[in-house]
PDB file of all heavy atoms in Angstrom:
ATOM      1  N   ALA A   1     -58.391 -49.255  28.659  1.00  0.00           N
ATOM      2  CA  ALA A   1     -58.333 -50.703  28.418  1.00  0.00           C
ATOM      3  C   ALA A   1     -59.700 -51.307  28.679  1.00  0.00           C
ATOM      4  O   ALA A   1     -60.417 -50.958  29.617  1.00  0.00           O
ATOM      5  CB  ALA A   1     -57.294 -51.363  29.293  1.00  0.00           C
ATOM      6  N   SER A   2     -60.060 -52.295  27.868  1.00  0.00           N
ATOM      7  CA  SER A   2     -61.265 -53.026  28.074  1.00  0.00           C
ATOM      8  C   SER A   2     -61.062 -54.484  27.503  1.00  0.00           C
ATOM      9  O   SER A   2     -60.244 -54.767  26.660  1.00  0.00           O
ATOM     10  CB  SER A   2     -62.483 -52.361  27.270  1.00  0.00           C
ATOM     11  OG  SER A   2     -62.202 -52.273  25.851  1.00  0.00           O
ATOM     12  N   GLY A   3     -61.920 -55.354  28.047  1.00  0.00           N
ATOM     13  CA  GLY A   3     -61.891 -56.753  27.665  1.00  0.00           C
ATOM     14  C   GLY A   3     -60.774 -57.595  28.299  1.00  0.00           C
ATOM     15  O   GLY A   3     -60.592 -58.780  27.821  1.00  0.00           O
ATOM     16  N   LEU A   4     -60.097 -57.117  29.233  1.00  0.00           N
ATOM     17  CA  LEU A   4     -59.073 -57.859  29.964  1.00  0.00           C
ATOM     18  C   LEU A   4     -59.112 -57.577  31.380  1.00  0.00           C
ATOM     19  O   LEU A   4     -59.724 -56.488  31.813  1.00  0.00           O
ATOM     20  CB  LEU A   4     -57.670 -57.552  29.355  1.00  0.00           C
ATOM     21  CG  LEU A   4     -56.966 -56.237  29.736  1.00  0.00           C
ATOM     22  CD1 LEU A   4     -55.464 -56.304  29.255  1.00  0.00           C
ATOM     23  CD2 LEU A   4     -57.666 -55.093  29.164  1.00  0.00           C
ATOM     24  N   SER A   5     -58.572 -58.426  32.198  1.00  0.00           N
ATOM     25  CA  SER A   5     -58.498 -58.281  33.646  1.00  0.00           C
ATOM     26  C   SER A   5     -57.314 -57.275  33.882  1.00  0.00           C
ATOM     27  O   SER A   5     -56.188 -57.720  34.177  1.00  0.00           O
ATOM     28  CB  SER A   5     -58.254 -59.538  34.378  1.00  0.00           C
ATOM     29  OG  SER A   5     -58.216 -59.427  35.739  1.00  0.00           O
ATOM     30  N   PHE A   6     -57.629 -56.070  33.825  1.00  0.00           N
ATOM     31  CA  PHE A   6     -56.656 -54.986  33.699  1.00  0.00           C
ATOM     32  C   PHE A   6     -55.602 -54.972  34.833  1.00  0.00           C
ATOM     33  O   PHE A   6     -54.396 -54.857  34.587  1.00  0.00           O
ATOM     34  CB  PHE A   6     -57.286 -53.582  33.695  1.00  0.00           C
ATOM     35  CG  PHE A   6     -56.425 -52.433  33.586  1.00  0.00           C
ATOM     36  CD1 PHE A   6     -55.789 -52.168  32.420  1.00  0.00           C
ATOM     37  CD2 PHE A   6     -56.160 -51.651  34.663  1.00  0.00           C
ATOM     38  CE1 PHE A   6     -54.937 -51.051  32.236  1.00  0.00           C
ATOM     39  CE2 PHE A   6     -55.263 -50.552  34.599  1.00  0.00           C
ATOM     40  CZ  PHE A   6     -54.711 -50.262  33.358  1.00  0.00           C
ATOM     41  N   SER A   7     -56.042 -55.221  36.060  1.00  0.00           N
ATOM     42  CA  SER A   7     -55.099 -55.202  37.232  1.00  0.00           C
ATOM     43  C   SER A   7     -54.094 -56.310  37.205  1.00  0.00           C
ATOM     44  O   SER A   7     -53.130 -56.177  37.946  1.00  0.00           O
ATOM     45  CB  SER A   7     -55.866 -55.152  38.511  1.00  0.00           C
ATOM     46  OG  SER A   7     -56.596 -56.419  38.691  1.00  0.00           O
ATOM     47  N   THR A   8     -54.303 -57.336  36.406  1.00  0.00           N
ATOM     48  CA  THR A   8     -53.385 -58.409  36.322  1.00  0.00           C
ATOM     49  C   THR A   8     -52.318 -58.272  35.262  1.00  0.00           C
ATOM     50  O   THR A   8     -51.520 -59.144  35.003  1.00  0.00           O
ATOM     51  CB  THR A   8     -54.072 -59.774  36.168  1.00  0.00           C
ATOM     52  OG1 THR A   8     -54.720 -59.805  34.879  1.00  0.00           O
ATOM     53  CG2 THR A   8     -55.115 -60.010  37.201  1.00  0.00           C
ATOM     54  N   TYR A   9     -52.379 -57.178  34.593  1.00  0.00           N
ATOM     55  CA  TYR A   9     -51.482 -56.969  33.422  1.00  0.00           C
ATOM     56  C   TYR A   9     -50.491 -55.832  33.765  1.00  0.00           C
ATOM     57  O   TYR A   9     -50.805 -54.783  34.298  1.00  0.00           O
ATOM     58  CB  TYR A   9     -52.191 -56.478  32.181  1.00  0.00           C
ATOM     59  CG  TYR A   9     -52.796 -57.715  31.404  1.00  0.00           C
ATOM     60  CD1 TYR A   9     -53.938 -58.345  31.834  1.00  0.00           C
ATOM     61  CD2 TYR A   9     -52.104 -58.200  30.275  1.00  0.00           C
ATOM     62  CE1 TYR A   9     -54.431 -59.350  31.155  1.00  0.00           C
ATOM     63  CE2 TYR A   9     -52.613 -59.281  29.608  1.00  0.00           C
ATOM     64  CZ  TYR A   9     -53.822 -59.879  30.045  1.00  0.00           C
ATOM     65  OH  TYR A   9     -54.317 -60.999  29.426  1.00  0.00           O
ATOM     66  N   ARG A  10     -49.228 -56.072  33.397  1.00  0.00           N
ATOM     67  CA  ARG A  10     -48.182 -55.023  33.367  1.00  0.00           C
ATOM     68  C   ARG A  10     -48.488 -54.116  32.183  1.00  0.00           C
ATOM     69  O   ARG A  10     -48.784 -54.661  31.135  1.00  0.00           O
ATOM     70  CB  ARG A  10     -46.839 -55.693  33.247  1.00  0.00           C
ATOM     71  CG  ARG A  10     -45.716 -54.814  32.885  1.00  0.00           C
ATOM     72  CD  ARG A  10     -44.478 -55.578  32.545  1.00  0.00           C
ATOM     73  NE  ARG A  10     -43.773 -56.196  33.675  1.00  0.00           N
ATOM     74  CZ  ARG A  10     -42.594 -56.729  33.651  1.00  0.00           C
ATOM     75  NH1 ARG A  10     -41.921 -56.822  32.556  1.00  0.00           N
ATOM     76  NH2 ARG A  10     -42.028 -57.194  34.752  1.00  0.00           N
ATOM     77  N   MET A  11     -48.379 -52.843  32.318  1.00  0.00           N
ATOM     78  CA  MET A  11     -48.704 -51.884  31.238  1.00  0.00           C
ATOM     79  C   MET A  11     -47.445 -51.091  30.822  1.00  0.00           C
ATOM     80  O   MET A  11     -46.633 -50.813  31.713  1.00  0.00           O
ATOM     81  CB  MET A  11     -49.803 -50.940  31.722  1.00  0.00           C
ATOM     82  CG  MET A  11     -51.125 -51.607  31.958  1.00  0.00           C
ATOM     83  SD  MET A  11     -51.802 -52.508  30.634  1.00  0.00           S
ATOM     84  CE  MET A  11     -52.186 -51.188  29.446  1.00  0.00           C
ATOM     85  N   GLY A  12     -47.357 -50.897  29.498  1.00  0.00           N
ATOM     86  CA  GLY A  12     -46.234 -50.107  29.059  1.00  0.00           C
ATOM     87  C   GLY A  12     -46.627 -49.088  27.988  1.00  0.00           C
ATOM     88  O   GLY A  12     -47.685 -49.192  27.429  1.00  0.00           O
ATOM     89  N   TRP A  13     -45.720 -48.095  27.829  1.00  0.00           N
ATOM     90  CA  TRP A  13     -45.843 -47.146  26.767  1.00  0.00           C
ATOM     91  C   TRP A  13     -44.583 -47.339  25.873  1.00  0.00           C
ATOM     92  O   TRP A  13     -43.497 -47.413  26.324  1.00  0.00           O
ATOM     93  CB  TRP A  13     -45.910 -45.707  27.266  1.00  0.00           C
ATOM     94  CG  TRP A  13     -47.212 -45.306  27.814  1.00  0.00           C
ATOM     95  CD1 TRP A  13     -47.559 -45.310  29.156  1.00  0.00           C
ATOM     96  CD2 TRP A  13     -48.424 -44.863  27.097  1.00  0.00           C
ATOM     97  NE1 TRP A  13     -48.889 -44.892  29.310  1.00  0.00           N
ATOM     98  CE2 TRP A  13     -49.418 -44.578  28.040  1.00  0.00           C
ATOM     99  CE3 TRP A  13     -48.610 -44.593  25.762  1.00  0.00           C
ATOM    100  CZ2 TRP A  13     -50.615 -44.101  27.667  1.00  0.00           C
ATOM    101  CZ3 TRP A  13     -49.851 -44.162  25.393  1.00  0.00           C
ATOM    102  CH2 TRP A  13     -50.829 -43.917  26.384  1.00  0.00           C
ATOM    103  N   PHE A  14     -44.832 -47.374  24.561  1.00  0.00           N
ATOM    104  CA  PHE A  14     -43.797 -47.450  23.563  1.00  0.00           C
ATOM    105  C   PHE A  14     -43.971 -46.287  22.626  1.00  0.00           C
ATOM    106  O   PHE A  14     -44.984 -45.649  22.625  1.00  0.00           O
ATOM    107  CB  PHE A  14     -43.836 -48.765  22.806  1.00  0.00           C
ATOM    108  CG  PHE A  14     -43.432 -50.014  23.537  1.00  0.00           C
ATOM    109  CD1 PHE A  14     -44.289 -50.530  24.529  1.00  0.00           C
ATOM    110  CD2 PHE A  14     -42.212 -50.641  23.328  1.00  0.00           C
ATOM    111  CE1 PHE A  14     -43.890 -51.679  25.230  1.00  0.00           C
ATOM    112  CE2 PHE A  14     -41.842 -51.838  24.000  1.00  0.00           C
ATOM    113  CZ  PHE A  14     -42.751 -52.320  24.974  1.00  0.00           C
ATOM    114  N   ARG A  15     -42.942 -46.013  21.800  1.00  0.00           N
ATOM    115  CA  ARG A  15     -43.035 -45.012  20.847  1.00  0.00           C
ATOM    116  C   ARG A  15     -42.227 -45.446  19.603  1.00  0.00           C
ATOM    117  O   ARG A  15     -41.312 -46.200  19.684  1.00  0.00           O
ATOM    118  CB  ARG A  15     -42.572 -43.635  21.350  1.00  0.00           C
ATOM    119  CG  ARG A  15     -41.051 -43.590  21.650  1.00  0.00           C
ATOM    120  CD  ARG A  15     -40.757 -42.241  22.308  1.00  0.00           C
ATOM    121  NE  ARG A  15     -39.342 -42.077  22.645  1.00  0.00           N
ATOM    122  CZ  ARG A  15     -38.827 -41.113  23.337  1.00  0.00           C
ATOM    123  NH1 ARG A  15     -39.685 -40.115  23.817  1.00  0.00           N
ATOM    124  NH2 ARG A  15     -37.498 -41.004  23.626  1.00  0.00           N
ATOM    125  N   GLN A  16     -42.694 -44.829  18.442  1.00  0.00           N
ATOM    126  CA  GLN A  16     -41.982 -45.181  17.217  1.00  0.00           C
ATOM    127  C   GLN A  16     -41.893 -43.899  16.402  1.00  0.00           C
ATOM    128  O   GLN A  16     -42.984 -43.309  15.997  1.00  0.00           O
ATOM    129  CB  GLN A  16     -42.671 -46.240  16.458  1.00  0.00           C
ATOM    130  CG  GLN A  16     -41.955 -46.664  15.215  1.00  0.00           C
ATOM    131  CD  GLN A  16     -42.471 -47.943  14.596  1.00  0.00           C
ATOM    132  OE1 GLN A  16     -43.581 -48.380  14.885  1.00  0.00           O
ATOM    133  NE2 GLN A  16     -41.671 -48.618  13.736  1.00  0.00           N
ATOM    134  N   ALA A  17     -40.714 -43.435  16.166  1.00  0.00           N
ATOM    135  CA  ALA A  17     -40.427 -42.264  15.384  1.00  0.00           C
ATOM    136  C   ALA A  17     -40.254 -42.630  13.925  1.00  0.00           C
ATOM    137  O   ALA A  17     -39.960 -43.859  13.594  1.00  0.00           O
ATOM    138  CB  ALA A  17     -39.174 -41.516  15.805  1.00  0.00           C
ATOM    139  N   PRO A  18     -40.522 -41.763  12.954  1.00  0.00           N
ATOM    140  CA  PRO A  18     -40.320 -42.073  11.510  1.00  0.00           C
ATOM    141  C   PRO A  18     -38.925 -42.726  11.236  1.00  0.00           C
ATOM    142  O   PRO A  18     -37.966 -42.130  11.612  1.00  0.00           O
ATOM    143  CB  PRO A  18     -40.527 -40.783  10.851  1.00  0.00           C
ATOM    144  CG  PRO A  18     -41.403 -40.031  11.754  1.00  0.00           C
ATOM    145  CD  PRO A  18     -40.975 -40.430  13.122  1.00  0.00           C
ATOM    146  N   GLY A  19     -38.922 -43.834  10.552  1.00  0.00           N
ATOM    147  CA  GLY A  19     -37.683 -44.444  10.197  1.00  0.00           C
ATOM    148  C   GLY A  19     -36.939 -45.156  11.249  1.00  0.00           C
ATOM    149  O   GLY A  19     -35.814 -45.632  11.088  1.00  0.00           O
ATOM    150  N   LYS A  20     -37.567 -45.267  12.441  1.00  0.00           N
ATOM    151  CA  LYS A  20     -36.905 -45.921  13.650  1.00  0.00           C
ATOM    152  C   LYS A  20     -37.745 -47.051  14.109  1.00  0.00           C
ATOM    153  O   LYS A  20     -38.935 -47.188  13.826  1.00  0.00           O
ATOM    154  CB  LYS A  20     -36.676 -44.897  14.712  1.00  0.00           C
ATOM    155  CG  LYS A  20     -35.730 -43.741  14.367  1.00  0.00           C
ATOM    156  CD  LYS A  20     -35.402 -42.950  15.574  1.00  0.00           C
ATOM    157  CE  LYS A  20     -34.378 -41.868  15.212  1.00  0.00           C
ATOM    158  NZ  LYS A  20     -34.061 -41.070  16.442  1.00  0.00           N
ATOM    159  N   GLU A  21     -37.148 -47.956  14.856  1.00  0.00           N
ATOM    160  CA  GLU A  21     -37.832 -49.041  15.451  1.00  0.00           C
ATOM    161  C   GLU A  21     -38.652 -48.602  16.668  1.00  0.00           C
ATOM    162  O   GLU A  21     -38.341 -47.617  17.276  1.00  0.00           O
ATOM    163  CB  GLU A  21     -36.837 -50.149  15.890  1.00  0.00           C
ATOM    164  CG  GLU A  21     -36.133 -50.794  14.774  1.00  0.00           C
ATOM    165  CD  GLU A  21     -35.261 -51.931  15.191  1.00  0.00           C
ATOM    166  OE1 GLU A  21     -35.145 -52.149  16.438  1.00  0.00           O
ATOM    167  OE2 GLU A  21     -34.732 -52.646  14.299  1.00  0.00           O
ATOM    168  N   ARG A  22     -39.671 -49.398  16.978  1.00  0.00           N
ATOM    169  CA  ARG A  22     -40.473 -49.068  18.152  1.00  0.00           C
ATOM    170  C   ARG A  22     -39.612 -49.251  19.366  1.00  0.00           C
ATOM    171  O   ARG A  22     -38.866 -50.294  19.481  1.00  0.00           O
ATOM    172  CB  ARG A  22     -41.698 -50.020  18.172  1.00  0.00           C
ATOM    173  CG  ARG A  22     -42.729 -49.634  19.230  1.00  0.00           C
ATOM    174  CD  ARG A  22     -44.030 -50.447  19.024  1.00  0.00           C
ATOM    175  NE  ARG A  22     -44.605 -50.210  17.761  1.00  0.00           N
ATOM    176  CZ  ARG A  22     -45.837 -50.592  17.464  1.00  0.00           C
ATOM    177  NH1 ARG A  22     -46.466 -51.358  18.288  1.00  0.00           N
ATOM    178  NH2 ARG A  22     -46.359 -50.388  16.259  1.00  0.00           N
ATOM    179  N   GLU A  23     -39.690 -48.352  20.317  1.00  0.00           N
ATOM    180  CA  GLU A  23     -38.827 -48.417  21.512  1.00  0.00           C
ATOM    181  C   GLU A  23     -39.675 -48.326  22.784  1.00  0.00           C
ATOM    182  O   GLU A  23     -40.668 -47.612  22.801  1.00  0.00           O
ATOM    183  CB  GLU A  23     -37.716 -47.379  21.549  1.00  0.00           C
ATOM    184  CG  GLU A  23     -38.235 -45.931  21.625  1.00  0.00           C
ATOM    185  CD  GLU A  23     -37.129 -44.909  21.923  1.00  0.00           C
ATOM    186  OE1 GLU A  23     -36.015 -45.321  22.286  1.00  0.00           O
ATOM    187  OE2 GLU A  23     -37.404 -43.704  21.789  1.00  0.00           O
ATOM    188  N   PHE A  24     -39.249 -48.974  23.864  1.00  0.00           N
ATOM    189  CA  PHE A  24     -39.924 -48.912  25.132  1.00  0.00           C
ATOM    190  C   PHE A  24     -39.635 -47.549  25.699  1.00  0.00           C
ATOM    191  O   PHE A  24     -38.531 -46.967  25.612  1.00  0.00           O
ATOM    192  CB  PHE A  24     -39.330 -49.958  26.035  1.00  0.00           C
ATOM    193  CG  PHE A  24     -39.708 -49.896  27.484  1.00  0.00           C
ATOM    194  CD1 PHE A  24     -40.956 -50.423  27.920  1.00  0.00           C
ATOM    195  CD2 PHE A  24     -38.963 -49.243  28.416  1.00  0.00           C
ATOM    196  CE1 PHE A  24     -41.360 -50.286  29.177  1.00  0.00           C
ATOM    197  CE2 PHE A  24     -39.317 -49.213  29.708  1.00  0.00           C
ATOM    198  CZ  PHE A  24     -40.601 -49.689  30.133  1.00  0.00           C
ATOM    199  N   VAL A  25     -40.675 -47.013  26.373  1.00  0.00           N
ATOM    200  CA  VAL A  25     -40.600 -45.675  27.031  1.00  0.00           C
ATOM    201  C   VAL A  25     -40.743 -45.783  28.483  1.00  0.00           C
ATOM    202  O   VAL A  25     -39.924 -45.316  29.302  1.00  0.00           O
ATOM    203  CB  VAL A  25     -41.682 -44.700  26.485  1.00  0.00           C
ATOM    204  CG1 VAL A  25     -41.712 -43.402  27.235  1.00  0.00           C
ATOM    205  CG2 VAL A  25     -41.448 -44.460  24.991  1.00  0.00           C
ATOM    206  N   ALA A  26     -41.822 -46.422  28.992  1.00  0.00           N
ATOM    207  CA  ALA A  26     -42.128 -46.522  30.375  1.00  0.00           C
ATOM    208  C   ALA A  26     -43.024 -47.724  30.673  1.00  0.00           C
ATOM    209  O   ALA A  26     -43.829 -48.096  29.788  1.00  0.00           O
ATOM    210  CB  ALA A  26     -42.790 -45.248  30.887  1.00  0.00           C
ATOM    211  N   GLY A  27     -42.899 -48.245  31.853  1.00  0.00           N
ATOM    212  CA  GLY A  27     -43.751 -49.395  32.267  1.00  0.00           C
ATOM    213  C   GLY A  27     -44.184 -49.246  33.689  1.00  0.00           C
ATOM    214  O   GLY A  27     -43.504 -48.648  34.501  1.00  0.00           O
ATOM    215  N   ILE A  28     -45.279 -49.919  34.048  1.00  0.00           N
ATOM    216  CA  ILE A  28     -45.807 -49.992  35.402  1.00  0.00           C
ATOM    217  C   ILE A  28     -46.306 -51.340  35.700  1.00  0.00           C
ATOM    218  O   ILE A  28     -46.935 -51.981  34.854  1.00  0.00           O
ATOM    219  CB  ILE A  28     -46.885 -48.941  35.666  1.00  0.00           C
ATOM    220  CG1 ILE A  28     -47.230 -48.825  37.157  1.00  0.00           C
ATOM    221  CG2 ILE A  28     -48.118 -49.122  34.765  1.00  0.00           C
ATOM    222  CD1 ILE A  28     -48.022 -47.571  37.526  1.00  0.00           C
ATOM    223  N   SER A  29     -45.955 -51.857  36.887  1.00  0.00           N
ATOM    224  CA  SER A  29     -46.259 -53.269  37.207  1.00  0.00           C
ATOM    225  C   SER A  29     -47.743 -53.479  37.434  1.00  0.00           C
ATOM    226  O   SER A  29     -48.464 -52.548  37.605  1.00  0.00           O
ATOM    227  CB  SER A  29     -45.374 -53.691  38.392  1.00  0.00           C
ATOM    228  OG  SER A  29     -45.770 -52.966  39.484  1.00  0.00           O
ATOM    229  N   ARG A  30     -48.004 -54.746  37.656  1.00  0.00           N
ATOM    230  CA  ARG A  30     -49.407 -55.067  38.029  1.00  0.00           C
ATOM    231  C   ARG A  30     -49.672 -54.558  39.430  1.00  0.00           C
ATOM    232  O   ARG A  30     -48.805 -54.162  40.120  1.00  0.00           O
ATOM    233  CB  ARG A  30     -49.478 -56.612  38.103  1.00  0.00           C
ATOM    234  CG  ARG A  30     -49.311 -57.374  36.848  1.00  0.00           C
ATOM    235  CD  ARG A  30     -48.925 -58.824  36.991  1.00  0.00           C
ATOM    236  NE  ARG A  30     -49.858 -59.501  38.003  1.00  0.00           N
ATOM    237  CZ  ARG A  30     -50.014 -60.766  37.966  1.00  0.00           C
ATOM    238  NH1 ARG A  30     -49.546 -61.565  37.067  1.00  0.00           N
ATOM    239  NH2 ARG A  30     -50.814 -61.316  38.922  1.00  0.00           N
ATOM    240  N   SER A  31     -50.969 -54.546  39.775  1.00  0.00           N
ATOM    241  CA  SER A  31     -51.383 -54.061  41.077  1.00  0.00           C
ATOM    242  C   SER A  31     -50.815 -54.999  42.146  1.00  0.00           C
ATOM    243  O   SER A  31     -50.498 -56.141  41.857  1.00  0.00           O
ATOM    244  CB  SER A  31     -52.875 -53.979  41.169  1.00  0.00           C
ATOM    245  OG  SER A  31     -53.436 -55.281  41.086  1.00  0.00           O
ATOM    246  N   GLY A  32     -50.657 -54.483  43.287  1.00  0.00           N
ATOM    247  CA  GLY A  32     -50.115 -55.271  44.434  1.00  0.00           C
ATOM    248  C   GLY A  32     -49.694 -54.367  45.468  1.00  0.00           C
ATOM    249  O   GLY A  32     -49.903 -53.200  45.477  1.00  0.00           O
ATOM    250  N   ARG A  33     -49.061 -55.017  46.503  1.00  0.00           N
ATOM    251  CA  ARG A  33     -48.626 -54.195  47.672  1.00  0.00           C
ATOM    252  C   ARG A  33     -47.717 -53.125  47.280  1.00  0.00           C
ATOM    253  O   ARG A  33     -47.609 -52.143  47.906  1.00  0.00           O
ATOM    254  CB  ARG A  33     -48.093 -55.137  48.674  1.00  0.00           C
ATOM    255  CG  ARG A  33     -49.086 -55.957  49.458  1.00  0.00           C
ATOM    256  CD  ARG A  33     -48.497 -56.809  50.479  1.00  0.00           C
ATOM    257  NE  ARG A  33     -47.547 -57.756  49.920  1.00  0.00           N
ATOM    258  CZ  ARG A  33     -46.805 -58.617  50.665  1.00  0.00           C
ATOM    259  NH1 ARG A  33     -46.864 -58.583  51.942  1.00  0.00           N
ATOM    260  NH2 ARG A  33     -46.026 -59.439  50.059  1.00  0.00           N
ATOM    261  N   SER A  34     -46.942 -53.321  46.175  1.00  0.00           N
ATOM    262  CA  SER A  34     -45.949 -52.378  45.804  1.00  0.00           C
ATOM    263  C   SER A  34     -46.643 -51.060  45.227  1.00  0.00           C
ATOM    264  O   SER A  34     -46.012 -50.058  45.071  1.00  0.00           O
ATOM    265  CB  SER A  34     -45.043 -52.921  44.691  1.00  0.00           C
ATOM    266  OG  SER A  34     -45.763 -53.211  43.536  1.00  0.00           O
ATOM    267  N   GLY A  35     -47.926 -51.236  44.876  1.00  0.00           N
ATOM    268  CA  GLY A  35     -48.600 -50.037  44.360  1.00  0.00           C
ATOM    269  C   GLY A  35     -48.227 -49.688  42.937  1.00  0.00           C
ATOM    270  O   GLY A  35     -48.656 -48.630  42.465  1.00  0.00           O
TER     271      GLY A  35
END
């Protein structure tokens, strides 16, 4: 990632198979005490 304050953003991975809608796969929260 570049051009954004990365640690303040929640990040996710999505995927899209042929003929299907894009779906959520995994996410990780912003930085913080939770890690």
